[in-house]
Amino acid sequence: MNKDIESILVNESELDALTERLAARIDEDYRDTGRPLVMVCILKGSVMFYVDLIKKIRRPVEMEFMKVSSYGAGTASSGCINLHLDLKRTDYPSLDVILVEDIVDSGRTLSMLTALFRERKVHSIATCTMLDKPSRREVDFAPDYAGLSIPDKFVVGYGLDYNEYYRDLPYVGILKPEVYTNH
């Protein structure tokens, strides 16, 4: 798989520093709330980032998972958001929720999920992304916590995929265009 990578954008030590920095900010922002902090992993791409992030948060957190899709087998968001796995809770008003995503490009997914949690009347809702690609934004959305702003390149690794491959790479790399343009 490494032969398909044009270049490494974020290496392992940079990912470690990124998660450490975000965890410290979250700890500071939610240190004395007295409310449960629920970290919601948006499956599948966010899993590696999510696990490394919550291991570095020093206050208690609850783990939850949602599965949302907008890409299918392509390299660009379809613009349609499909909710495949949702939370089964009723205690929303007592919760501080942070949605954890691998990458924000169009902004549609986290914008829609943020609105959904506001409708559920959570005490607070925030978003955290490993990578932010603001040049691709299609809606007015900015993540509350962003690890790194990146250029408009198709990236894989550390949970990010192309057609379900490359998720297991320990770094984030730029995929060679010939890999996804010939399919």
Protein backbone atom coordinates (compact mmCIF):
# COMPACT_ATOMS: atom_id res chain seq x y z
CA MET A 1 0.00 0.00 0.00
CA ASN A 2 2.88 2.38 0.66
CA LYS A 3 3.62 2.35 -3.09
CA ASP A 4 0.27 4.09 -3.64
CA ILE A 5 1.20 7.02 -1.39
CA GLU A 6 2.51 10.15 -3.08
CA SER A 7 3.83 11.62 0.18
CA ILE A 8 3.28 11.49 3.93
CA LEU A 9 1.27 14.51 5.06
CA VAL A 10 1.14 13.79 8.81
CA ASN A 11 3.57 11.29 10.33
CA GLU A 12 3.09 9.19 13.48
CA SER A 13 4.82 11.58 15.87
CA GLU A 14 2.84 14.52 14.46
CA LEU A 15 -0.40 12.56 14.98
CA ASP A 16 0.63 11.85 18.56
CA ALA A 17 1.32 15.55 19.21
CA LEU A 18 -1.95 16.52 17.52
CA THR A 19 -4.04 14.20 19.73
CA GLU A 20 -2.14 15.34 22.83
CA ARG A 21 -2.85 19.01 22.04
CA LEU A 22 -6.56 18.42 21.35
CA ALA A 23 -6.98 16.28 24.49
CA ALA A 24 -5.41 19.02 26.62
CA ARG A 25 -7.82 21.62 25.18
CA ILE A 26 -10.82 19.37 25.79
CA ASP A 27 -9.65 18.66 29.36
CA GLU A 28 -9.34 22.40 30.00
CA ASP A 29 -12.71 23.27 28.45
CA TYR A 30 -14.66 20.50 30.25
CA ARG A 31 -12.69 20.17 33.48
CA ASP A 32 -15.28 21.19 36.10
CA THR A 33 -18.66 20.83 34.42
CA GLY A 34 -20.08 18.14 36.71
CA ARG A 35 -21.81 16.69 33.65
CA PRO A 36 -20.99 13.54 31.71
CA LEU A 37 -18.74 14.16 28.71
CA VAL A 38 -19.81 11.89 25.86
CA MET A 39 -17.35 11.48 23.02
CA VAL A 40 -19.17 10.21 19.92
CA CYS A 41 -16.99 8.50 17.32
CA ILE A 42 -18.24 8.87 13.76
CA LEU A 43 -17.50 5.45 12.25
CA LYS A 44 -15.43 4.14 10.54
CA GLY A 45 -12.75 6.62 9.62
CA SER A 46 -12.47 8.27 13.03
CA VAL A 47 -11.75 5.15 15.09
CA MET A 48 -7.96 5.38 15.27
CA PHE A 49 -7.97 9.11 15.99
CA TYR A 50 -10.84 8.71 18.49
CA VAL A 51 -9.11 5.97 20.50
CA ASP A 52 -5.80 7.84 20.66
CA LEU A 53 -7.61 11.06 21.61
CA ILE A 54 -9.73 9.66 24.45
CA LYS A 55 -6.73 7.80 25.91
CA LYS A 56 -5.11 11.22 26.44
CA ILE A 57 -8.12 12.95 28.01
CA ARG A 58 -7.66 12.99 31.77
CA ARG A 59 -11.26 13.49 32.88
CA PRO A 60 -13.85 10.69 32.66
CA VAL A 61 -15.52 10.28 29.27
CA GLU A 62 -18.26 8.06 27.96
CA MET A 63 -17.74 6.36 24.61
CA GLU A 64 -20.50 6.28 21.98
CA PHE A 65 -20.54 5.50 18.26
CA MET A 66 -22.51 6.63 15.23
CA LYS A 67 -22.20 5.49 11.66
CA VAL A 68 -22.86 8.06 8.98
CA SER A 69 -22.01 7.90 5.29
CA SER A 70 -21.74 10.47 2.55
CA TYR A 71 -19.01 9.11 0.27
CA GLY A 72 -19.74 5.56 -0.89
CA ALA A 73 -16.83 4.39 -3.08
CA GLY A 74 -15.99 7.84 -4.45
CA THR A 75 -13.51 10.53 -3.52
CA ALA A 76 -16.01 13.37 -3.07
CA SER A 77 -18.98 13.70 -0.76
CA SER A 78 -22.28 12.77 -2.39
CA GLY A 79 -24.04 15.59 -0.53
CA CYS A 80 -26.46 13.02 0.93
CA ILE A 81 -26.01 12.06 4.58
CA ASN A 82 -27.16 8.60 5.63
CA LEU A 83 -27.44 7.74 9.35
CA HIS A 84 -26.79 3.99 9.76
CA LEU A 85 -26.14 3.73 13.52
CA ASP A 86 -27.53 6.13 16.11
CA LEU A 87 -27.30 6.54 19.88
CA LYS A 88 -30.04 4.99 22.00
CA ARG A 89 -30.17 7.41 24.93
CA THR A 90 -32.76 9.51 26.68
CA ASP A 91 -30.53 11.56 29.01
CA TYR A 92 -29.49 14.14 26.40
CA PRO A 93 -30.23 17.31 28.45
CA SER A 94 -27.63 16.30 31.04
CA LEU A 95 -24.83 15.65 28.52
CA ASP A 96 -21.91 17.52 27.07
CA VAL A 97 -21.35 15.86 23.68
CA ILE A 98 -18.32 16.06 21.41
CA LEU A 99 -18.67 14.57 17.94
CA VAL A 100 -15.32 13.17 16.78
CA GLU A 101 -14.66 13.04 13.04
CA ASP A 102 -11.63 12.08 10.96
CA ILE A 103 -11.86 14.87 8.39
CA VAL A 104 -14.13 17.83 7.65
CA ASP A 105 -14.33 18.85 4.03
CA SER A 106 -17.83 19.79 2.82
CA GLY A 107 -18.94 20.28 6.44
CA ARG A 108 -22.31 18.69 5.73
CA THR A 109 -21.95 15.66 8.02
CA LEU A 110 -20.99 17.50 11.19
CA SER A 111 -23.38 20.35 10.40
CA MET A 112 -26.25 17.86 10.14
CA LEU A 113 -25.19 15.93 13.25
CA THR A 114 -24.74 19.11 15.29
CA ALA A 115 -28.29 20.16 14.36
CA LEU A 116 -29.58 16.69 15.29
CA PHE A 117 -28.04 16.91 18.77
CA ARG A 118 -29.38 20.44 19.25
CA GLU A 119 -32.85 19.07 18.46
CA ARG A 120 -32.24 16.43 21.13
CA LYS A 121 -31.53 19.30 23.53
CA VAL A 122 -28.09 18.21 24.77
CA HIS A 123 -26.59 20.54 27.32
CA SER A 124 -23.76 21.31 24.89
CA ILE A 125 -22.55 20.06 21.53
CA ALA A 126 -19.06 20.48 20.08
CA THR A 127 -17.12 18.96 17.22
CA CYS A 128 -13.57 17.69 17.00
CA THR A 129 -11.79 16.68 13.81
CA MET A 130 -8.35 15.33 13.15
CA LEU A 131 -8.10 17.07 9.78
CA ASP A 132 -9.85 20.13 8.40
CA LYS A 133 -10.05 20.88 4.68
CA PRO A 134 -11.70 24.34 4.63
CA SER A 135 -11.16 24.83 0.89
CA ARG A 136 -13.84 22.15 0.29
CA ARG A 137 -16.49 23.67 2.58
CA GLU A 138 -19.99 23.69 1.09
CA VAL A 139 -21.86 24.83 4.21
CA ASP A 140 -21.11 27.41 6.87
CA PHE A 141 -19.38 25.18 9.41
CA ALA A 142 -16.21 25.35 11.48
CA PRO A 143 -15.17 22.57 13.88
CA ASP A 144 -14.68 23.56 17.51
CA TYR A 145 -11.48 21.53 17.75
CA ALA A 146 -9.36 20.92 14.66
CA GLY A 147 -6.06 19.08 14.66
CA LEU A 148 -4.61 20.26 11.38
CA SER A 149 -5.79 22.25 8.37
CA ILE A 150 -4.76 20.50 5.16
CA PRO A 151 -4.71 21.29 1.43
CA ASP A 152 -7.27 19.92 -1.01
CA LYS A 153 -5.61 16.54 -1.56
CA PHE A 154 -7.14 13.08 -1.24
CA VAL A 155 -5.70 11.61 1.95
CA VAL A 156 -5.70 8.11 3.41
CA GLY A 157 -4.30 6.32 6.44
CA TYR A 158 -4.83 6.43 10.21
CA GLY A 159 -8.48 5.46 9.65
CA LEU A 160 -9.05 7.36 6.40
CA ASP A 161 -9.74 5.16 3.41
CA TYR A 162 -10.23 4.90 -0.29
CA ASN A 163 -12.78 2.18 -1.08
CA GLU A 164 -12.11 0.61 2.38
CA TYR A 165 -8.33 0.33 1.84
CA TYR A 166 -5.43 2.17 3.52
CA ARG A 167 -7.16 2.67 6.91
CA ASP A 168 -4.40 0.70 8.66
CA LEU A 169 -1.52 2.95 7.61
CA PRO A 170 0.05 4.50 10.75
CA TYR A 171 0.27 7.94 9.11
CA VAL A 172 -1.87 10.20 6.90
CA GLY A 173 -0.63 10.19 3.33
CA ILE A 174 -1.64 11.75 0.04
CA LEU A 175 -2.94 9.05 -2.29
CA LYS A 176 -1.49 9.07 -5.79
CA PRO A 177 -4.23 10.34 -8.15
CA GLU A 178 -3.72 7.44 -10.57
CA VAL A 179 -4.95 5.05 -7.85
CA TYR A 180 -8.44 6.58 -7.74
CA THR A 181 -8.74 8.05 -11.24
CA ASN A 182 -8.25 4.70 -13.00
CA HIS A 183 -11.18 3.06 -11.20
